[in-house]
N, C-alpha and C. Protein backbone atom coordinates (compact mmCIF):
# COMPACT_ATOMS: atom_id res chain seq x y z
N MET A 1 -13.97 78.30 32.62
CA MET A 1 -14.86 77.35 31.95
C MET A 1 -14.77 76.01 32.69
N SER A 2 -15.88 75.29 32.70
CA SER A 2 -15.91 73.99 33.38
C SER A 2 -15.46 72.90 32.42
N GLU A 3 -15.39 71.66 32.94
CA GLU A 3 -14.97 70.53 32.10
C GLU A 3 -15.97 70.25 30.98
N LEU A 4 -17.22 70.70 31.15
CA LEU A 4 -18.21 70.49 30.10
C LEU A 4 -18.22 71.63 29.08
N ASP A 5 -17.54 72.74 29.39
CA ASP A 5 -17.49 73.85 28.46
C ASP A 5 -16.54 73.51 27.32
N LEU A 6 -16.94 73.85 26.13
CA LEU A 6 -16.12 73.55 24.97
C LEU A 6 -15.71 74.83 24.25
N ILE A 7 -16.66 75.73 24.05
CA ILE A 7 -16.41 76.93 23.24
C ILE A 7 -17.02 78.13 23.94
N GLU A 8 -16.27 79.21 23.92
CA GLU A 8 -16.77 80.46 24.46
C GLU A 8 -16.73 81.50 23.36
N THR A 9 -17.81 82.27 23.19
CA THR A 9 -17.86 83.36 22.22
C THR A 9 -18.02 84.66 23.00
N GLU A 10 -18.23 85.73 22.29
CA GLU A 10 -18.43 87.02 22.96
C GLU A 10 -19.61 86.97 23.93
N ARG A 11 -20.71 86.32 23.49
CA ARG A 11 -21.91 86.33 24.32
C ARG A 11 -22.36 84.97 24.84
N LEU A 12 -21.75 83.88 24.35
CA LEU A 12 -22.24 82.54 24.66
C LEU A 12 -21.15 81.61 25.18
N VAL A 13 -21.60 80.60 25.90
CA VAL A 13 -20.76 79.45 26.25
C VAL A 13 -21.48 78.23 25.69
N LEU A 14 -20.75 77.42 24.93
CA LEU A 14 -21.28 76.16 24.40
C LEU A 14 -20.68 75.05 25.24
N SER A 15 -21.55 74.23 25.81
CA SER A 15 -21.08 73.21 26.75
C SER A 15 -21.86 71.91 26.57
N GLY A 16 -21.30 70.86 27.12
CA GLY A 16 -21.95 69.56 27.07
C GLY A 16 -23.17 69.49 27.96
N TRP A 17 -24.03 68.55 27.64
CA TRP A 17 -25.27 68.32 28.39
C TRP A 17 -25.05 67.28 29.48
N ARG A 18 -25.95 67.28 30.45
CA ARG A 18 -26.08 66.23 31.45
C ARG A 18 -27.52 65.72 31.40
N MET A 19 -27.74 64.46 31.74
CA MET A 19 -29.09 63.89 31.64
C MET A 19 -30.09 64.64 32.51
N GLU A 20 -29.65 65.21 33.62
CA GLU A 20 -30.59 65.95 34.47
C GLU A 20 -31.06 67.25 33.83
N GLN A 21 -30.55 67.59 32.65
CA GLN A 21 -30.99 68.77 31.91
C GLN A 21 -32.01 68.41 30.82
N LEU A 22 -32.55 67.21 30.89
CA LEU A 22 -33.52 66.74 29.90
C LEU A 22 -34.69 67.69 29.75
N ASP A 23 -35.19 68.25 30.83
CA ASP A 23 -36.34 69.15 30.74
C ASP A 23 -36.06 70.35 29.85
N ASP A 24 -34.81 70.83 29.84
CA ASP A 24 -34.45 71.95 28.96
C ASP A 24 -34.61 71.55 27.49
N LEU A 25 -34.19 70.33 27.16
CA LEU A 25 -34.31 69.88 25.77
C LEU A 25 -35.76 69.61 25.40
N VAL A 26 -36.53 69.09 26.34
CA VAL A 26 -37.96 68.86 26.09
C VAL A 26 -38.66 70.18 25.83
N ARG A 27 -38.31 71.21 26.60
CA ARG A 27 -38.92 72.53 26.38
C ARG A 27 -38.53 73.08 25.01
N LEU A 28 -37.28 72.85 24.58
CA LEU A 28 -36.82 73.35 23.29
C LEU A 28 -37.46 72.57 22.14
N HIS A 29 -37.23 71.28 22.10
CA HIS A 29 -37.71 70.48 20.97
C HIS A 29 -39.18 70.10 21.08
N GLY A 30 -39.77 70.37 22.23
CA GLY A 30 -41.21 70.15 22.39
C GLY A 30 -42.03 71.34 21.93
N ASP A 31 -41.38 72.43 21.61
CA ASP A 31 -42.07 73.63 21.13
C ASP A 31 -42.34 73.48 19.64
N PRO A 32 -43.60 73.54 19.22
CA PRO A 32 -43.92 73.37 17.80
C PRO A 32 -43.23 74.37 16.88
N ARG A 33 -42.93 75.57 17.39
CA ARG A 33 -42.24 76.58 16.56
C ARG A 33 -40.81 76.17 16.29
N VAL A 34 -40.18 75.47 17.23
CA VAL A 34 -38.82 74.98 17.05
C VAL A 34 -38.84 73.70 16.22
N ALA A 35 -39.80 72.83 16.51
CA ALA A 35 -39.88 71.52 15.86
C ALA A 35 -40.29 71.61 14.39
N LYS A 36 -40.83 72.73 13.99
CA LYS A 36 -41.37 72.89 12.63
C LYS A 36 -40.42 72.39 11.55
N TYR A 37 -39.13 72.66 11.67
CA TYR A 37 -38.17 72.29 10.64
C TYR A 37 -37.21 71.17 11.06
N LEU A 38 -37.47 70.53 12.19
CA LEU A 38 -36.56 69.48 12.65
C LEU A 38 -36.89 68.11 12.10
N SER A 39 -38.07 67.98 11.50
CA SER A 39 -38.45 66.71 10.86
C SER A 39 -39.48 67.03 9.79
N ALA A 40 -39.69 66.07 8.90
CA ALA A 40 -40.66 66.28 7.82
C ALA A 40 -42.06 66.50 8.39
N SER A 41 -42.38 65.82 9.48
CA SER A 41 -43.70 65.95 10.07
C SER A 41 -43.86 67.27 10.80
N GLY A 42 -42.73 67.86 11.23
CA GLY A 42 -42.80 69.10 11.98
C GLY A 42 -43.33 68.92 13.39
N GLU A 43 -43.43 67.67 13.82
CA GLU A 43 -43.99 67.40 15.14
C GLU A 43 -42.93 67.59 16.22
N ALA A 44 -43.41 68.06 17.36
CA ALA A 44 -42.53 68.22 18.52
C ALA A 44 -41.99 66.85 18.94
N TRP A 45 -40.81 66.86 19.50
CA TRP A 45 -40.21 65.62 19.98
C TRP A 45 -40.86 65.21 21.30
N SER A 46 -41.03 63.92 21.47
CA SER A 46 -41.52 63.40 22.74
C SER A 46 -40.40 63.44 23.78
N ARG A 47 -40.76 63.27 25.02
CA ARG A 47 -39.75 63.21 26.08
C ARG A 47 -38.79 62.06 25.81
N GLU A 48 -39.31 60.93 25.33
CA GLU A 48 -38.47 59.78 25.03
C GLU A 48 -37.49 60.08 23.90
N GLN A 49 -37.96 60.75 22.85
CA GLN A 49 -37.08 61.12 21.75
C GLN A 49 -35.99 62.08 22.24
N CYS A 50 -36.36 63.02 23.08
CA CYS A 50 -35.38 63.96 23.63
C CYS A 50 -34.35 63.21 24.48
N ALA A 51 -34.80 62.26 25.28
CA ALA A 51 -33.86 61.50 26.12
C ALA A 51 -32.88 60.70 25.27
N GLU A 52 -33.38 60.08 24.18
CA GLU A 52 -32.50 59.31 23.29
C GLU A 52 -31.46 60.22 22.64
N ARG A 53 -31.91 61.37 22.16
CA ARG A 53 -31.00 62.30 21.50
C ARG A 53 -29.99 62.86 22.49
N LEU A 54 -30.47 63.19 23.69
CA LEU A 54 -29.57 63.72 24.70
C LEU A 54 -28.48 62.71 25.06
N ALA A 55 -28.85 61.45 25.19
CA ALA A 55 -27.86 60.40 25.49
C ALA A 55 -26.83 60.32 24.37
N LEU A 56 -27.26 60.44 23.12
CA LEU A 56 -26.34 60.41 21.98
C LEU A 56 -25.39 61.61 22.04
N TRP A 57 -25.92 62.79 22.32
CA TRP A 57 -25.07 63.98 22.37
C TRP A 57 -24.06 63.89 23.50
N ILE A 58 -24.48 63.35 24.64
CA ILE A 58 -23.56 63.19 25.77
C ILE A 58 -22.44 62.23 25.38
N GLU A 59 -22.79 61.14 24.73
CA GLU A 59 -21.78 60.15 24.31
C GLU A 59 -20.83 60.77 23.29
N LEU A 60 -21.35 61.53 22.32
CA LEU A 60 -20.50 62.19 21.33
C LEU A 60 -19.56 63.20 22.00
N PHE A 61 -20.07 63.91 22.99
CA PHE A 61 -19.23 64.89 23.68
C PHE A 61 -18.11 64.19 24.42
N GLU A 62 -18.46 63.10 25.11
CA GLU A 62 -17.45 62.38 25.89
C GLU A 62 -16.42 61.69 25.00
N SER A 63 -16.85 61.15 23.86
CA SER A 63 -15.93 60.39 23.02
C SER A 63 -15.18 61.26 22.00
N GLN A 64 -15.81 62.32 21.51
CA GLN A 64 -15.20 63.10 20.43
C GLN A 64 -15.19 64.61 20.68
N ARG A 65 -15.68 65.04 21.85
CA ARG A 65 -15.84 66.48 22.14
C ARG A 65 -16.73 67.12 21.08
N MET A 66 -17.70 66.34 20.60
CA MET A 66 -18.67 66.85 19.63
C MET A 66 -20.06 66.65 20.20
N GLY A 67 -21.06 66.78 19.36
CA GLY A 67 -22.44 66.66 19.78
C GLY A 67 -23.10 68.02 19.76
N LYS A 68 -24.40 68.03 19.89
CA LYS A 68 -25.12 69.29 19.98
C LYS A 68 -24.94 69.79 21.42
N LEU A 69 -24.50 71.01 21.57
CA LEU A 69 -24.12 71.57 22.85
C LEU A 69 -25.15 72.57 23.36
N ARG A 70 -25.18 72.73 24.66
CA ARG A 70 -26.02 73.77 25.27
C ARG A 70 -25.43 75.13 24.90
N ALA A 71 -26.27 76.05 24.50
CA ALA A 71 -25.83 77.43 24.22
C ALA A 71 -26.42 78.32 25.30
N THR A 72 -25.52 78.81 26.17
CA THR A 72 -25.93 79.59 27.33
C THR A 72 -25.39 81.00 27.21
N ARG A 73 -26.23 81.97 27.49
CA ARG A 73 -25.81 83.37 27.43
C ARG A 73 -24.91 83.69 28.61
N LYS A 74 -23.76 84.27 28.34
CA LYS A 74 -22.79 84.59 29.39
C LYS A 74 -23.33 85.61 30.39
N SER A 75 -24.04 86.61 29.90
CA SER A 75 -24.43 87.73 30.75
C SER A 75 -25.30 87.32 31.93
N ASP A 76 -26.13 86.28 31.74
CA ASP A 76 -27.05 85.92 32.82
C ASP A 76 -27.24 84.41 32.99
N GLY A 77 -26.48 83.61 32.23
CA GLY A 77 -26.60 82.15 32.35
C GLY A 77 -27.84 81.56 31.73
N MET A 78 -28.58 82.35 30.98
CA MET A 78 -29.82 81.89 30.36
C MET A 78 -29.52 80.94 29.20
N LEU A 79 -30.19 79.79 29.20
CA LEU A 79 -30.07 78.85 28.09
C LEU A 79 -30.86 79.42 26.91
N VAL A 80 -30.19 79.61 25.77
CA VAL A 80 -30.86 80.16 24.59
C VAL A 80 -31.19 79.09 23.57
N GLY A 81 -30.56 77.92 23.68
CA GLY A 81 -30.83 76.83 22.74
C GLY A 81 -29.68 75.84 22.72
N ARG A 82 -29.48 75.25 21.56
CA ARG A 82 -28.38 74.29 21.39
C ARG A 82 -27.76 74.48 20.02
N ALA A 83 -26.48 74.14 19.94
CA ALA A 83 -25.75 74.23 18.67
C ALA A 83 -24.56 73.29 18.75
N GLY A 84 -24.23 72.69 17.65
CA GLY A 84 -23.07 71.81 17.66
C GLY A 84 -23.05 70.91 16.44
N TYR A 85 -22.33 69.81 16.58
CA TYR A 85 -22.17 68.86 15.49
C TYR A 85 -22.75 67.51 15.86
N GLY A 86 -23.39 66.93 14.88
CA GLY A 86 -23.75 65.52 14.93
C GLY A 86 -22.92 64.83 13.87
N ILE A 87 -23.07 63.53 13.79
CA ILE A 87 -22.44 62.79 12.71
C ILE A 87 -23.57 62.36 11.78
N HIS A 88 -23.53 62.88 10.56
CA HIS A 88 -24.57 62.59 9.56
C HIS A 88 -24.49 61.12 9.14
N ASP A 89 -25.53 60.63 8.51
CA ASP A 89 -25.56 59.26 8.00
C ASP A 89 -24.35 58.96 7.11
N SER A 90 -23.82 59.98 6.45
CA SER A 90 -22.66 59.83 5.56
C SER A 90 -21.35 59.68 6.33
N GLY A 91 -21.38 59.89 7.65
CA GLY A 91 -20.17 59.83 8.46
C GLY A 91 -19.48 61.18 8.61
N GLU A 92 -20.03 62.21 8.00
CA GLU A 92 -19.45 63.55 8.07
C GLU A 92 -20.01 64.33 9.26
N PRO A 93 -19.20 65.24 9.81
CA PRO A 93 -19.76 66.11 10.84
C PRO A 93 -20.79 67.03 10.22
N GLU A 94 -21.89 67.21 10.92
CA GLU A 94 -23.01 68.01 10.43
C GLU A 94 -23.36 69.04 11.49
N ILE A 95 -23.26 70.31 11.12
CA ILE A 95 -23.56 71.40 12.05
C ILE A 95 -25.08 71.58 12.14
N GLY A 96 -25.54 71.92 13.33
CA GLY A 96 -26.95 72.18 13.52
C GLY A 96 -27.17 73.05 14.75
N TYR A 97 -28.32 73.69 14.80
CA TYR A 97 -28.64 74.59 15.89
C TYR A 97 -30.15 74.72 15.99
N ALA A 98 -30.61 75.03 17.17
CA ALA A 98 -32.03 75.33 17.42
C ALA A 98 -32.07 76.24 18.64
N LEU A 99 -32.84 77.30 18.53
CA LEU A 99 -32.95 78.26 19.62
C LEU A 99 -34.39 78.35 20.09
N TYR A 100 -34.57 78.67 21.36
CA TYR A 100 -35.90 78.98 21.85
C TYR A 100 -36.41 80.18 21.04
N PRO A 101 -37.69 80.18 20.68
CA PRO A 101 -38.22 81.25 19.81
C PRO A 101 -37.95 82.66 20.31
N GLU A 102 -37.94 82.87 21.61
CA GLU A 102 -37.72 84.23 22.13
C GLU A 102 -36.31 84.74 21.85
N PHE A 103 -35.42 83.84 21.41
CA PHE A 103 -34.05 84.26 21.10
C PHE A 103 -33.76 84.29 19.61
N HIS A 104 -34.77 84.06 18.77
CA HIS A 104 -34.58 84.18 17.33
C HIS A 104 -34.32 85.65 16.98
N GLY A 105 -33.49 85.85 15.97
CA GLY A 105 -33.25 87.20 15.47
C GLY A 105 -32.26 88.03 16.26
N HIS A 106 -31.54 87.41 17.20
CA HIS A 106 -30.56 88.15 17.99
C HIS A 106 -29.12 87.82 17.59
N GLY A 107 -28.94 87.00 16.55
CA GLY A 107 -27.61 86.66 16.07
C GLY A 107 -26.93 85.53 16.83
N TYR A 108 -27.64 84.89 17.77
CA TYR A 108 -27.01 83.82 18.55
C TYR A 108 -26.66 82.61 17.68
N ALA A 109 -27.52 82.24 16.75
CA ALA A 109 -27.24 81.08 15.89
C ALA A 109 -25.99 81.34 15.05
N SER A 110 -25.90 82.52 14.47
CA SER A 110 -24.72 82.86 13.65
C SER A 110 -23.46 82.91 14.50
N GLU A 111 -23.55 83.46 15.70
CA GLU A 111 -22.39 83.54 16.59
C GLU A 111 -21.91 82.15 16.98
N ALA A 112 -22.85 81.28 17.35
CA ALA A 112 -22.49 79.91 17.73
C ALA A 112 -21.93 79.15 16.54
N ALA A 113 -22.57 79.28 15.37
CA ALA A 113 -22.12 78.55 14.18
C ALA A 113 -20.72 78.99 13.76
N ALA A 114 -20.44 80.28 13.83
CA ALA A 114 -19.11 80.77 13.47
C ALA A 114 -18.06 80.21 14.43
N ALA A 115 -18.37 80.18 15.71
CA ALA A 115 -17.44 79.63 16.69
C ALA A 115 -17.23 78.14 16.47
N LEU A 116 -18.29 77.43 16.14
CA LEU A 116 -18.18 76.00 15.86
C LEU A 116 -17.34 75.75 14.62
N ARG A 117 -17.52 76.56 13.60
CA ARG A 117 -16.71 76.47 12.37
C ARG A 117 -15.24 76.62 12.71
N ASP A 118 -14.92 77.65 13.47
CA ASP A 118 -13.53 77.89 13.82
C ASP A 118 -12.97 76.75 14.67
N TRP A 119 -13.76 76.28 15.63
CA TRP A 119 -13.33 75.20 16.52
C TRP A 119 -13.01 73.92 15.75
N ILE A 120 -13.90 73.50 14.85
CA ILE A 120 -13.71 72.20 14.20
C ILE A 120 -12.45 72.19 13.34
N PHE A 121 -12.15 73.31 12.70
CA PHE A 121 -10.95 73.35 11.87
C PHE A 121 -9.68 73.58 12.69
N ARG A 122 -9.79 74.22 13.82
CA ARG A 122 -8.63 74.48 14.67
C ARG A 122 -8.29 73.29 15.58
N ASP A 123 -9.32 72.64 16.14
CA ASP A 123 -9.09 71.68 17.22
C ASP A 123 -9.39 70.23 16.86
N THR A 124 -9.75 69.96 15.62
CA THR A 124 -10.00 68.57 15.21
C THR A 124 -9.27 68.30 13.90
N GLN A 125 -9.33 67.08 13.45
CA GLN A 125 -8.69 66.68 12.19
C GLN A 125 -9.64 66.75 11.00
N TRP A 126 -10.91 67.14 11.23
CA TRP A 126 -11.87 67.18 10.12
C TRP A 126 -11.44 68.20 9.08
N GLU A 127 -11.57 67.83 7.82
CA GLU A 127 -11.22 68.72 6.70
C GLU A 127 -12.43 69.46 6.13
N HIS A 128 -13.64 69.02 6.51
CA HIS A 128 -14.85 69.70 6.06
C HIS A 128 -16.00 69.29 6.98
N PHE A 129 -17.08 70.03 6.86
CA PHE A 129 -18.32 69.64 7.53
C PHE A 129 -19.48 70.06 6.65
N ILE A 130 -20.63 69.46 6.93
CA ILE A 130 -21.83 69.77 6.17
C ILE A 130 -22.87 70.39 7.08
N GLY A 131 -23.85 70.96 6.47
CA GLY A 131 -25.02 71.49 7.17
C GLY A 131 -26.17 71.46 6.19
N PHE A 132 -27.37 71.39 6.70
CA PHE A 132 -28.52 71.44 5.81
C PHE A 132 -29.71 71.99 6.55
N ALA A 133 -30.64 72.50 5.79
CA ALA A 133 -31.87 73.06 6.35
C ALA A 133 -33.00 72.84 5.37
N ASP A 134 -34.18 72.70 5.90
CA ASP A 134 -35.39 72.63 5.08
C ASP A 134 -35.34 73.80 4.09
N VAL A 135 -35.71 73.55 2.85
CA VAL A 135 -35.64 74.60 1.84
C VAL A 135 -36.47 75.83 2.22
N ASN A 136 -37.48 75.65 3.07
CA ASN A 136 -38.33 76.76 3.48
C ASN A 136 -37.84 77.47 4.74
N ASN A 137 -36.77 76.96 5.34
CA ASN A 137 -36.25 77.56 6.56
C ASN A 137 -35.17 78.58 6.19
N LEU A 138 -35.60 79.72 5.70
CA LEU A 138 -34.67 80.73 5.20
C LEU A 138 -33.73 81.27 6.27
N PRO A 139 -34.19 81.51 7.49
CA PRO A 139 -33.22 82.00 8.50
C PRO A 139 -32.08 81.02 8.75
N SER A 140 -32.36 79.73 8.82
CA SER A 140 -31.32 78.74 9.05
C SER A 140 -30.37 78.66 7.86
N ARG A 141 -30.92 78.73 6.67
CA ARG A 141 -30.07 78.70 5.48
C ARG A 141 -29.16 79.93 5.43
N LYS A 142 -29.66 81.08 5.88
CA LYS A 142 -28.83 82.30 5.92
C LYS A 142 -27.66 82.13 6.89
N VAL A 143 -27.90 81.48 8.02
CA VAL A 143 -26.81 81.26 8.98
C VAL A 143 -25.72 80.42 8.34
N LEU A 144 -26.09 79.37 7.63
CA LEU A 144 -25.10 78.51 6.98
C LEU A 144 -24.28 79.29 5.96
N ARG A 145 -24.94 80.12 5.18
CA ARG A 145 -24.21 80.94 4.20
C ARG A 145 -23.35 82.00 4.90
N ARG A 146 -23.87 82.56 5.98
CA ARG A 146 -23.16 83.61 6.70
C ARG A 146 -21.81 83.13 7.24
N ILE A 147 -21.72 81.84 7.58
CA ILE A 147 -20.44 81.34 8.10
C ILE A 147 -19.53 80.81 6.99
N GLY A 148 -19.94 81.02 5.74
CA GLY A 148 -19.07 80.68 4.61
C GLY A 148 -19.38 79.38 3.91
N MET A 149 -20.45 78.72 4.29
CA MET A 149 -20.78 77.45 3.64
C MET A 149 -21.35 77.71 2.24
N ARG A 150 -21.12 76.75 1.35
CA ARG A 150 -21.67 76.87 0.00
C ARG A 150 -22.72 75.79 -0.22
N GLU A 151 -23.75 76.18 -0.94
CA GLU A 151 -24.82 75.24 -1.26
C GLU A 151 -24.31 74.17 -2.21
N THR A 152 -24.74 72.94 -1.98
CA THR A 152 -24.32 71.85 -2.86
C THR A 152 -25.50 71.24 -3.62
N HIS A 153 -26.53 70.81 -2.93
CA HIS A 153 -27.64 70.15 -3.59
C HIS A 153 -28.86 70.14 -2.67
N VAL A 154 -30.01 69.89 -3.26
CA VAL A 154 -31.24 69.69 -2.50
C VAL A 154 -31.49 68.19 -2.47
N GLU A 155 -31.80 67.71 -1.29
CA GLU A 155 -32.03 66.27 -1.10
C GLU A 155 -33.20 66.09 -0.15
N ASP A 156 -33.99 65.06 -0.41
CA ASP A 156 -35.04 64.71 0.52
C ASP A 156 -34.38 64.05 1.73
N TYR A 157 -34.54 64.66 2.90
CA TYR A 157 -33.95 64.09 4.11
C TYR A 157 -35.07 63.85 5.11
N GLU A 158 -35.30 62.58 5.40
CA GLU A 158 -36.35 62.17 6.33
C GLU A 158 -37.70 62.79 5.94
N GLY A 159 -37.95 62.84 4.65
CA GLY A 159 -39.24 63.28 4.15
C GLY A 159 -39.39 64.76 3.88
N ALA A 160 -38.33 65.53 4.04
CA ALA A 160 -38.41 66.97 3.80
C ALA A 160 -37.32 67.37 2.80
N PRO A 161 -37.66 68.27 1.88
CA PRO A 161 -36.63 68.75 0.94
C PRO A 161 -35.67 69.69 1.68
N CYS A 162 -34.39 69.35 1.66
CA CYS A 162 -33.39 70.12 2.39
C CYS A 162 -32.29 70.60 1.47
N GLN A 163 -31.87 71.83 1.69
CA GLN A 163 -30.74 72.39 0.99
C GLN A 163 -29.48 72.04 1.78
N PHE A 164 -28.59 71.30 1.14
CA PHE A 164 -27.33 70.90 1.77
C PHE A 164 -26.26 71.93 1.46
N HIS A 165 -25.31 72.04 2.39
CA HIS A 165 -24.19 72.98 2.30
C HIS A 165 -22.93 72.25 2.74
N VAL A 166 -21.77 72.76 2.33
CA VAL A 166 -20.49 72.22 2.77
C VAL A 166 -19.54 73.37 3.01
N LEU A 167 -18.61 73.15 3.94
CA LEU A 167 -17.51 74.08 4.13
C LEU A 167 -16.25 73.26 4.30
N GLU A 168 -15.26 73.57 3.48
CA GLU A 168 -13.99 72.85 3.51
C GLU A 168 -12.94 73.72 4.18
N LYS A 169 -12.04 73.08 4.87
CA LYS A 169 -10.97 73.75 5.58
C LYS A 169 -10.07 74.45 4.56
N ALA A 170 -9.77 75.71 4.83
CA ALA A 170 -8.85 76.44 3.96
C ALA A 170 -7.44 75.93 4.20
N ILE A 171 -6.69 75.77 3.11
CA ILE A 171 -5.33 75.23 3.22
C ILE A 171 -4.33 76.34 3.16
């Protein structure tokens, strides 16, 4: 694994981003099928929005070994999407993921999320993390439940009704 690699699963490597990979993020978040549940408007992210977010993720990776990470398939090096942690407005780590549509339904989101769950409790001091998804995004909500998260409440987040979840470290 390289210095940017953080987590390895059976089929994936989760690693930090570099600014020269901006086009990969633009292709991901610029796709209306991916962007549908990333904001209340459902609009694709602009190149500028992607650059701002990428800079934030790079800074989080460098300072805390967190951030949304590149999810690359081990077998062929293909980028399948991104998965990782952001810091929510509440100050809590918040898990999130987005995959290119051609990789939906292959279990990559669940595999990455499970590895992230294990990593945060094993390698950091965090005692819990949150996750949320648009109430209509049933596949994403299933991933959160599949890794053991429990539903807490529905909240309007940036104009969209979202089901929030939490997972606490087992003692």
